Amino acid sequence: MHDFILSPLSLKDLEILIFNQVRKALTEIHEVTNDPVKDELLTIEAAATLLSVTVPTVYGYVHQRAIPCMKRRGRLYFSKVELLAWVKSARRSTVDEIKANAIASLIR
């Protein structure tokens, strides 16, 4: 016997939803199988270079407690892995991803 599901989704919306879920799964698999970026401690100058901002901007982020850092004996240190994660955490969703998430929420 065949199971049929009736849905108010158009074929295009369903394709977008499936595409985004597959991409998310592949990204997670890719992150697990790849070697992580070698974590190293960076000086404030190296952190500024990595982030493509000025040293005073990094000091501003530190003062606002907006950026992950460590302080020892008056010097600031930054984990390269934590900085990259901090940058990636501000990723903005595409219109297709927002639409697919909205559709997924409506389905639930």
C-alpha atoms as a PDB file:
ATOM      1  CA  MET A   1       0.000   0.000   0.000  1.00  0.00           C
ATOM      2  CA  HIS A   2       1.246   3.501  -0.822  1.00  0.00           C
ATOM      3  CA  ASP A   3       1.327   6.292   1.730  1.00  0.00           C
ATOM      4  CA  PHE A   4       0.430   9.731   0.403  1.00  0.00           C
ATOM      5  CA  ILE A   5       0.969  13.001   2.175  1.00  0.00           C
ATOM      6  CA  LEU A   6      -1.023  16.054   1.178  1.00  0.00           C
ATOM      7  CA  SER A   7       0.810  19.301   1.702  1.00  0.00           C
ATOM      8  CA  PRO A   8       0.135  22.967   0.935  1.00  0.00           C
ATOM      9  CA  LEU A   9       3.761  23.273  -0.258  1.00  0.00           C
ATOM     10  CA  SER A  10       4.504  23.915  -3.868  1.00  0.00           C
ATOM     11  CA  LEU A  11       7.027  21.693  -5.579  1.00  0.00           C
ATOM     12  CA  LYS A  12       9.540  24.578  -5.631  1.00  0.00           C
ATOM     13  CA  ASP A  13       9.146  25.184  -1.862  1.00  0.00           C
ATOM     14  CA  LEU A  14       9.609  21.493  -1.187  1.00  0.00           C
ATOM     15  CA  GLU A  15      12.749  21.445  -3.355  1.00  0.00           C
ATOM     16  CA  ILE A  16      14.173  24.420  -1.427  1.00  0.00           C
ATOM     17  CA  LEU A  17      13.404  22.760   1.895  1.00  0.00           C
ATOM     18  CA  ILE A  18      15.055  19.490   0.866  1.00  0.00           C
ATOM     19  CA  PHE A  19      18.041  21.294  -0.675  1.00  0.00           C
ATOM     20  CA  ASN A  20      18.694  23.286   2.517  1.00  0.00           C
ATOM     21  CA  GLN A  21      18.425  20.208   4.734  1.00  0.00           C
ATOM     22  CA  VAL A  22      20.809  18.230   2.531  1.00  0.00           C
ATOM     23  CA  ARG A  23      23.266  21.157   2.453  1.00  0.00           C
ATOM     24  CA  LYS A  24      23.096  21.416   6.254  1.00  0.00           C
ATOM     25  CA  ALA A  25      23.753  17.684   6.640  1.00  0.00           C
ATOM     26  CA  LEU A  26      26.664  17.773   4.199  1.00  0.00           C
ATOM     27  CA  THR A  27      28.164  20.763   6.008  1.00  0.00           C
ATOM     28  CA  GLU A  28      28.003  18.901   9.317  1.00  0.00           C
ATOM     29  CA  ILE A  29      29.633  15.833   7.779  1.00  0.00           C
ATOM     30  CA  HIS A  30      32.305  18.019   6.180  1.00  0.00           C
ATOM     31  CA  GLU A  31      33.102  19.677   9.514  1.00  0.00           C
ATOM     32  CA  VAL A  32      33.456  16.315  11.247  1.00  0.00           C
ATOM     33  CA  THR A  33      35.675  14.722   8.594  1.00  0.00           C
ATOM     34  CA  ASN A  34      38.006  17.667   8.003  1.00  0.00           C
ATOM     35  CA  ASP A  35      40.866  18.391  10.344  1.00  0.00           C
ATOM     36  CA  PRO A  36      40.008  21.439  12.413  1.00  0.00           C
ATOM     37  CA  VAL A  37      41.997  24.601  11.922  1.00  0.00           C
ATOM     38  CA  LYS A  38      45.110  24.396  14.042  1.00  0.00           C
ATOM     39  CA  ASP A  39      44.416  26.460  17.118  1.00  0.00           C
ATOM     40  CA  GLU A  40      47.079  28.988  17.863  1.00  0.00           C
ATOM     41  CA  LEU A  41      47.296  31.994  20.119  1.00  0.00           C
ATOM     42  CA  LEU A  42      47.389  35.318  18.314  1.00  0.00           C
ATOM     43  CA  THR A  43      48.583  38.718  19.443  1.00  0.00           C
ATOM     44  CA  ILE A  44      46.283  41.672  19.041  1.00  0.00           C
ATOM     45  CA  GLU A  45      48.095  42.655  15.849  1.00  0.00           C
ATOM     46  CA  ALA A  46      47.676  39.158  14.369  1.00  0.00           C
ATOM     47  CA  ALA A  47      44.015  39.103  15.442  1.00  0.00           C
ATOM     48  CA  ALA A  48      43.433  42.459  13.752  1.00  0.00           C
ATOM     49  CA  THR A  49      45.056  41.144  10.566  1.00  0.00           C
ATOM     50  CA  LEU A  50      42.964  37.956  10.650  1.00  0.00           C
ATOM     51  CA  LEU A  51      39.767  39.983  11.097  1.00  0.00           C
ATOM     52  CA  SER A  52      40.832  42.656   8.550  1.00  0.00           C
ATOM     53  CA  VAL A  53      40.292  45.463  11.048  1.00  0.00           C
ATOM     54  CA  THR A  54      42.571  47.898  12.839  1.00  0.00           C
ATOM     55  CA  VAL A  55      44.176  47.268  16.234  1.00  0.00           C
ATOM     56  CA  PRO A  56      42.072  50.039  17.863  1.00  0.00           C
ATOM     57  CA  THR A  57      38.940  48.296  16.537  1.00  0.00           C
ATOM     58  CA  VAL A  58      40.006  45.064  18.237  1.00  0.00           C
ATOM     59  CA  TYR A  59      40.616  46.998  21.466  1.00  0.00           C
ATOM     60  CA  GLY A  60      37.080  48.364  21.112  1.00  0.00           C
ATOM     61  CA  TYR A  61      35.677  44.839  20.707  1.00  0.00           C
ATOM     62  CA  VAL A  62      37.597  43.746  23.815  1.00  0.00           C
ATOM     63  CA  HIS A  63      36.340  46.738  25.814  1.00  0.00           C
ATOM     64  CA  GLN A  64      32.748  45.926  24.778  1.00  0.00           C
ATOM     65  CA  ARG A  65      33.380  42.246  25.616  1.00  0.00           C
ATOM     66  CA  ALA A  66      32.159  41.425  22.129  1.00  0.00           C
ATOM     67  CA  ILE A  67      35.148  39.281  21.147  1.00  0.00           C
ATOM     68  CA  PRO A  68      36.608  36.207  22.874  1.00  0.00           C
ATOM     69  CA  CYS A  69      40.048  36.870  24.339  1.00  0.00           C
ATOM     70  CA  MET A  70      42.433  36.032  27.171  1.00  0.00           C
ATOM     71  CA  LYS A  71      44.625  38.345  29.205  1.00  0.00           C
ATOM     72  CA  ARG A  72      47.879  37.442  30.929  1.00  0.00           C
ATOM     73  CA  ARG A  73      50.324  39.880  32.493  1.00  0.00           C
ATOM     74  CA  GLY A  74      48.710  42.814  30.756  1.00  0.00           C
ATOM     75  CA  ARG A  75      48.827  41.263  27.276  1.00  0.00           C
ATOM     76  CA  LEU A  76      45.857  40.185  25.191  1.00  0.00           C
ATOM     77  CA  TYR A  77      45.776  36.840  23.400  1.00  0.00           C
ATOM     78  CA  PHE A  78      43.225  35.474  20.983  1.00  0.00           C
ATOM     79  CA  SER A  79      42.459  31.901  19.948  1.00  0.00           C
ATOM     80  CA  LYS A  80      42.385  31.615  16.162  1.00  0.00           C
ATOM     81  CA  VAL A  81      39.643  28.957  16.311  1.00  0.00           C
ATOM     82  CA  GLU A  82      37.508  31.096  18.653  1.00  0.00           C
ATOM     83  CA  LEU A  83      37.929  34.174  16.444  1.00  0.00           C
ATOM     84  CA  LEU A  84      36.863  32.268  13.343  1.00  0.00           C
ATOM     85  CA  ALA A  85      33.864  30.841  15.217  1.00  0.00           C
ATOM     86  CA  TRP A  86      33.004  34.366  16.416  1.00  0.00           C
ATOM     87  CA  VAL A  87      33.031  35.680  12.854  1.00  0.00           C
ATOM     88  CA  LYS A  88      30.976  32.732  11.576  1.00  0.00           C
ATOM     89  CA  SER A  89      28.393  33.189  14.332  1.00  0.00           C
ATOM     90  CA  ALA A  90      27.300  36.426  12.684  1.00  0.00           C
ATOM     91  CA  ARG A  91      26.369  34.671   9.434  1.00  0.00           C
ATOM     92  CA  ARG A  92      23.191  36.003   7.886  1.00  0.00           C
ATOM     93  CA  SER A  93      20.697  33.601   6.346  1.00  0.00           C
ATOM     94  CA  THR A  94      19.829  33.844   2.668  1.00  0.00           C
ATOM     95  CA  VAL A  95      16.287  34.606   1.555  1.00  0.00           C
ATOM     96  CA  ASP A  96      15.876  30.973   0.447  1.00  0.00           C
ATOM     97  CA  GLU A  97      17.017  29.709   3.860  1.00  0.00           C
ATOM     98  CA  ILE A  98      14.609  32.047   5.667  1.00  0.00           C
ATOM     99  CA  LYS A  99      11.775  30.918   3.410  1.00  0.00           C
ATOM    100  CA  ALA A 100      12.627  27.237   3.900  1.00  0.00           C
ATOM    101  CA  ASN A 101      12.776  27.681   7.686  1.00  0.00           C
ATOM    102  CA  ALA A 102       9.422  29.450   7.664  1.00  0.00           C
ATOM    103  CA  ILE A 103       7.897  26.641   5.620  1.00  0.00           C
ATOM    104  CA  ALA A 104       9.405  24.038   7.930  1.00  0.00           C
ATOM    105  CA  SER A 105       7.919  25.861  10.930  1.00  0.00           C
ATOM    106  CA  LEU A 106       4.503  25.952   9.290  1.00  0.00           C
ATOM    107  CA  ILE A 107       4.674  22.243   8.566  1.00  0.00           C
ATOM    108  CA  ARG A 108       5.353  21.469  12.214  1.00  0.00           C
END
